[in-house]
Amino acid sequence: MELTDNKHVNLTAYEDVELLTNFTEARFQSYCDDKLASCDKHITFIKERCITTQWSGRVCEIGSGNSKLLYKLEKEGLVTEALGIEISQSRYDFAEKFRLYIESVKVTNINKNLFDIKPLSNLDLIMGVDIVLQLIAPISQSAQSDTLKWCYDSLSDGGFLILELWDFKNVKEQLELCNGQLNTWKEFPDSDPFEYILCDVTVDSTNDLVWNKTFLKRNSNERSCFKNILRPYSRETITQLLTNMGFRSIQIFDSWCVGAAVDDHGEYIVLAQK
């Protein structure tokens, strides 16, 4: 499959995310520390459900961003070899500085499109968190199936796939009440160079969600804008897709942590085994 059509907004939406020039050294370190701490829930989940007697510590994250989760896994002594695949140049650059900051020796970051990389082999775990599948799927007609096939082919027998998805049920209900256009905002923690994000959401002709985001820089009038398109997945739909690809033992969890509050976007976690 060819995914080099630069006209699709999802291929370039994260080009300037985590741009290093937006961070002082102190803010960079604080931001990295916060990101590592945010992965505690992921680590608990993985320890409880993925570490089996066949675990060798070979892990890959698609859409790895700043690679915080891979670094956290390394700090916990859970990886022997970890690969992060990230298409955004700015996020890759950030991940590389992050790697030096925490003195990582087991994580390798790759700044490429996933489909420019041949399937790997004998991985214990592939992770697609932060709705990465929902960003890849709208890019082309075959992107969804090709992503799942890439994951399946790269895993060892008994290896695990983790997907973090949103069903967007509440968002779609609100869109119906708002004549097809929803506006929201959110405040970021102090370590983030941006203070607020403003979003407006609509639905396109394929029922994917069109998400326009405006970031307001802290203590400044500067703004950063980008747009992406997200594919909603119901739990039933993703279960069927994974089953059709050959995955087994598919489990759905309401959140990373037992008893955690349900996310407004309908977040849920999928665990599947090859």
Protein backbone atom coordinates (compact mmCIF):
# COMPACT_ATOMS: atom_id res chain seq x y z
CA MET A 1 0.00 0.00 0.00
CA GLU A 2 1.23 3.49 -0.83
CA LEU A 3 0.79 6.06 1.94
CA THR A 4 2.85 8.93 0.55
CA ASP A 5 -0.05 11.14 -0.46
CA ASN A 6 0.99 14.29 1.37
CA LYS A 7 -2.40 15.84 0.65
CA HIS A 8 -3.98 13.85 3.47
CA VAL A 9 -3.96 15.99 6.59
CA ASN A 10 -3.25 13.10 8.97
CA LEU A 11 0.21 12.59 7.46
CA THR A 12 1.29 16.10 8.39
CA ALA A 13 -1.02 17.03 11.29
CA TYR A 14 1.67 16.53 13.94
CA GLU A 15 4.55 18.18 12.08
CA ASP A 16 5.17 20.89 14.71
CA VAL A 17 3.88 19.08 17.81
CA GLU A 18 6.44 19.10 20.65
CA LEU A 19 8.70 21.39 18.67
CA LEU A 20 11.89 21.70 20.70
CA THR A 21 12.15 25.46 20.17
CA ASN A 22 8.97 25.84 22.26
CA PHE A 23 10.75 24.47 25.35
CA THR A 24 13.29 25.96 27.69
CA GLU A 25 15.60 23.35 29.14
CA ALA A 26 13.84 23.44 32.50
CA ARG A 27 10.41 23.14 30.88
CA PHE A 28 11.65 20.30 28.67
CA GLN A 29 12.82 18.29 31.67
CA SER A 30 9.65 18.96 33.64
CA TYR A 31 7.53 18.01 30.63
CA CYS A 32 9.43 14.74 30.16
CA ASP A 33 9.10 13.89 33.85
CA ASP A 34 5.34 14.50 33.67
CA LYS A 35 5.04 12.31 30.58
CA LEU A 36 6.89 9.44 32.23
CA ALA A 37 4.65 9.68 35.30
CA SER A 38 1.57 9.56 33.07
CA CYS A 39 2.58 6.07 31.92
CA ASP A 40 2.14 4.37 35.30
CA LYS A 41 -1.31 3.13 34.28
CA HIS A 42 0.03 1.61 31.06
CA ILE A 43 2.82 -0.19 32.90
CA THR A 44 0.43 -1.72 35.43
CA PHE A 45 -1.83 -2.92 32.60
CA ILE A 46 1.06 -4.49 30.67
CA LYS A 47 2.56 -6.16 33.73
CA GLU A 48 -0.75 -7.71 34.70
CA ARG A 49 -1.84 -8.90 31.25
CA CYS A 50 1.08 -9.25 28.84
CA ILE A 51 4.10 -10.53 30.77
CA THR A 52 4.04 -14.30 30.25
CA THR A 53 6.68 -17.00 30.47
CA GLN A 54 7.54 -16.43 26.78
CA TRP A 55 8.20 -12.69 27.27
CA SER A 56 11.54 -11.74 25.72
CA GLY A 57 11.17 -7.95 25.95
CA ARG A 58 10.87 -7.15 22.24
CA VAL A 59 8.37 -4.30 21.89
CA CYS A 60 7.22 -1.85 19.20
CA GLU A 61 5.02 1.23 19.38
CA ILE A 62 3.41 2.60 16.24
CA GLY A 63 2.83 6.34 16.31
CA SER A 64 5.21 6.51 19.25
CA GLY A 65 5.28 10.32 19.50
CA ASN A 66 7.80 11.31 22.16
CA SER A 67 8.33 7.60 23.06
CA LYS A 68 7.44 8.16 26.71
CA LEU A 69 5.81 4.76 27.03
CA LEU A 70 8.82 2.94 25.59
CA TYR A 71 11.14 4.82 27.94
CA LYS A 72 8.92 3.97 30.89
CA LEU A 73 8.98 0.29 29.91
CA GLU A 74 12.76 0.45 29.78
CA LYS A 75 12.95 2.10 33.20
CA GLU A 76 10.78 -0.71 34.57
CA GLY A 77 13.19 -3.31 33.18
CA LEU A 78 10.57 -4.78 30.83
CA VAL A 79 12.33 -4.44 27.46
CA THR A 80 15.45 -5.82 25.86
CA GLU A 81 14.74 -4.08 22.55
CA ALA A 82 12.13 -1.42 21.84
CA LEU A 83 11.29 0.33 18.58
CA GLY A 84 9.28 3.53 18.20
CA ILE A 85 7.90 4.44 14.77
CA GLU A 86 6.83 8.07 14.36
CA ILE A 87 6.08 10.00 11.16
CA SER A 88 6.33 13.51 12.67
CA GLN A 89 9.83 15.00 12.41
CA SER A 90 9.31 17.32 15.39
CA ARG A 91 8.05 14.52 17.63
CA TYR A 92 10.93 12.28 16.54
CA ASP A 93 13.41 15.06 17.36
CA PHE A 94 11.78 15.49 20.75
CA ALA A 95 11.92 11.72 21.37
CA GLU A 96 15.62 11.68 20.56
CA LYS A 97 16.39 14.46 23.04
CA PHE A 98 14.14 12.71 25.56
CA ARG A 99 16.19 9.53 24.99
CA LEU A 100 19.41 11.37 25.83
CA TYR A 101 17.82 13.04 28.86
CA ILE A 102 16.90 9.72 30.49
CA GLU A 103 19.97 7.90 29.11
CA SER A 104 17.95 5.26 27.29
CA VAL A 105 19.98 2.45 25.72
CA LYS A 106 17.27 0.03 24.59
CA VAL A 107 14.87 2.27 22.64
CA THR A 108 15.40 3.02 18.95
CA ASN A 109 13.30 5.77 17.36
CA ILE A 110 12.57 5.69 13.63
CA ASN A 111 11.23 8.73 11.77
CA LYS A 112 9.30 7.00 8.98
CA ASN A 113 5.85 6.18 7.74
CA LEU A 114 4.81 2.79 9.17
CA PHE A 115 4.25 1.41 5.67
CA ASP A 116 7.77 2.25 4.60
CA ILE A 117 8.92 -0.38 7.10
CA LYS A 118 8.60 -4.08 6.41
CA PRO A 119 6.82 -6.10 9.10
CA LEU A 120 9.10 -7.04 11.94
CA SER A 121 9.23 -10.47 13.54
CA ASN A 122 8.86 -12.18 16.89
CA LEU A 123 7.65 -9.15 18.83
CA ASP A 124 6.11 -9.77 22.24
CA LEU A 125 4.02 -6.60 22.15
CA ILE A 126 2.88 -3.94 19.73
CA MET A 127 1.20 -0.83 21.12
CA GLY A 128 -0.99 1.68 19.34
CA VAL A 129 -2.05 4.11 22.05
CA ASP A 130 -3.44 7.64 21.81
CA ILE A 131 -5.93 6.57 19.09
CA VAL A 132 -3.18 6.07 16.50
CA LEU A 133 -5.21 3.49 14.52
CA GLN A 134 -8.01 6.02 14.26
CA LEU A 135 -5.57 8.48 12.69
CA ILE A 136 -4.11 5.98 10.24
CA ALA A 137 -7.36 4.38 9.06
CA PRO A 138 -8.82 7.39 7.17
CA ILE A 139 -5.67 7.92 5.08
CA SER A 140 -6.60 5.38 2.42
CA GLN A 141 -9.10 2.62 1.72
CA SER A 142 -6.63 -0.08 2.74
CA ALA A 143 -4.86 1.70 5.61
CA GLN A 144 -7.01 0.12 8.30
CA SER A 145 -6.53 -3.49 7.17
CA ASP A 146 -2.88 -2.96 6.26
CA THR A 147 -2.13 -1.60 9.73
CA LEU A 148 -3.70 -4.58 11.46
CA LYS A 149 -1.96 -7.00 9.08
CA TRP A 150 1.41 -5.30 9.72
CA CYS A 151 0.86 -5.79 13.45
CA TYR A 152 -0.25 -9.40 13.08
CA ASP A 153 2.71 -10.31 10.86
CA SER A 154 5.18 -8.62 13.24
CA LEU A 155 4.11 -10.45 16.39
CA SER A 156 5.36 -13.78 17.63
CA ASP A 157 2.81 -16.52 18.19
CA GLY A 158 1.18 -15.59 21.48
CA GLY A 159 2.33 -11.96 21.17
CA PHE A 160 -0.01 -9.14 22.19
CA LEU A 161 -1.50 -6.09 20.48
CA ILE A 162 -2.77 -3.19 22.59
CA LEU A 163 -4.94 -0.49 21.04
CA GLU A 164 -6.25 2.57 22.85
CA LEU A 165 -9.40 3.73 21.07
CA TRP A 166 -12.28 6.17 21.45
CA ASP A 167 -15.81 5.31 20.37
CA PHE A 168 -16.75 9.02 20.34
CA LYS A 169 -20.30 8.14 21.38
CA ASN A 170 -20.73 11.29 23.47
CA VAL A 171 -19.12 13.44 20.79
CA LYS A 172 -21.49 12.11 18.13
CA GLU A 173 -24.48 12.66 20.41
CA GLN A 174 -23.36 16.24 21.06
CA LEU A 175 -22.87 16.84 17.35
CA GLU A 176 -26.49 15.91 16.76
CA LEU A 177 -27.54 18.48 19.35
CA CYS A 178 -25.23 21.19 17.92
CA ASN A 179 -26.34 21.05 14.29
CA GLY A 180 -23.26 19.07 13.26
CA GLN A 181 -20.57 21.31 14.76
CA LEU A 182 -19.15 20.91 18.26
CA ASN A 183 -16.79 23.39 19.96
CA THR A 184 -14.73 22.43 23.02
CA TRP A 185 -11.68 23.61 24.99
CA LYS A 186 -9.17 22.13 27.44
CA GLU A 187 -6.43 23.51 29.71
CA PHE A 188 -2.96 21.92 29.74
CA PRO A 189 -0.69 21.39 32.80
CA ASP A 190 1.90 24.05 33.65
CA SER A 191 4.77 22.03 32.14
CA ASP A 192 3.21 22.31 28.67
CA PRO A 193 4.30 25.29 26.52
CA PHE A 194 0.69 25.66 25.40
CA GLU A 195 -1.97 26.73 27.87
CA TYR A 196 -5.21 25.86 26.09
CA ILE A 197 -6.54 23.91 23.13
CA LEU A 198 -9.70 24.94 21.27
CA CYS A 199 -11.40 22.34 19.08
CA ASP A 200 -14.20 22.29 16.58
CA VAL A 201 -15.51 18.95 15.35
CA THR A 202 -17.65 18.05 12.34
CA VAL A 203 -18.49 14.84 10.44
CA ASP A 204 -17.42 14.18 6.84
CA SER A 205 -19.20 12.20 4.12
CA THR A 206 -17.62 8.90 5.28
CA ASN A 207 -18.76 9.46 8.90
CA ASP A 208 -15.20 10.11 10.04
CA LEU A 209 -14.73 13.01 12.43
CA VAL A 210 -12.96 16.15 11.21
CA TRP A 211 -11.10 17.66 14.16
CA ASN A 212 -9.72 21.21 13.91
CA LYS A 213 -7.44 22.20 16.79
CA THR A 214 -6.06 25.57 17.84
CA PHE A 215 -3.35 25.66 20.51
CA LEU A 216 -2.87 28.87 22.51
CA LYS A 217 0.72 29.36 23.66
CA ARG A 218 1.32 30.11 27.32
CA ASN A 219 1.97 33.79 28.15
CA SER A 220 1.72 34.70 24.50
CA ASN A 221 -0.70 35.56 21.70
CA GLU A 222 0.92 32.92 19.48
CA ARG A 223 -1.31 30.16 18.12
CA SER A 224 -0.68 26.83 16.46
CA CYS A 225 -3.36 25.15 14.35
CA PHE A 226 -3.78 21.77 12.79
CA LYS A 227 -6.47 19.45 11.54
CA ASN A 228 -6.90 15.70 11.57
CA ILE A 229 -9.53 13.15 10.65
CA LEU A 230 -10.45 10.37 13.07
CA ARG A 231 -12.36 7.15 12.51
CA PRO A 232 -14.72 6.14 15.33
CA TYR A 233 -14.74 2.45 16.28
CA SER A 234 -17.39 0.71 18.30
CA ARG A 235 -16.23 -2.17 20.45
CA GLU A 236 -18.10 -4.59 18.24
CA THR A 237 -16.50 -3.25 15.07
CA ILE A 238 -12.89 -3.44 16.28
CA THR A 239 -13.49 -6.92 17.72
CA GLN A 240 -14.74 -8.14 14.34
CA LEU A 241 -11.86 -6.53 12.46
CA LEU A 242 -9.28 -8.16 14.72
CA THR A 243 -11.03 -11.52 14.55
CA ASN A 244 -11.06 -11.35 10.76
CA MET A 245 -7.32 -10.65 10.80
CA GLY A 246 -6.69 -13.79 12.86
CA PHE A 247 -6.28 -12.35 16.35
CA ARG A 248 -7.71 -14.34 19.27
CA SER A 249 -8.47 -13.85 22.95
CA ILE A 250 -9.73 -10.34 22.26
CA GLN A 251 -10.57 -8.45 25.44
CA ILE A 252 -12.05 -4.99 25.92
CA PHE A 253 -11.36 -2.86 29.00
CA ASP A 254 -13.17 0.34 29.97
CA SER A 255 -9.89 1.98 30.98
CA TRP A 256 -6.26 1.27 31.76
CA CYS A 257 -7.08 1.08 35.48
CA VAL A 258 -9.89 -0.77 37.21
CA GLY A 259 -12.44 1.68 38.56
CA ALA A 260 -11.13 4.69 36.62
CA ALA A 261 -13.61 7.29 35.41
CA VAL A 262 -14.88 6.82 31.86
CA ASP A 263 -13.36 9.29 29.40
CA ASP A 264 -15.69 11.80 27.71
CA HIS A 265 -14.64 10.50 24.31
CA GLY A 266 -15.52 6.91 25.20
CA GLU A 267 -11.97 5.66 25.62
CA TYR A 268 -11.47 1.91 25.87
CA ILE A 269 -8.52 -0.45 25.66
CA VAL A 270 -8.31 -3.47 23.35
CA LEU A 271 -6.02 -6.39 24.10
CA ALA A 272 -5.64 -9.07 21.44
CA GLN A 273 -3.30 -12.02 21.03
CA LYS A 274 -1.83 -13.64 17.93
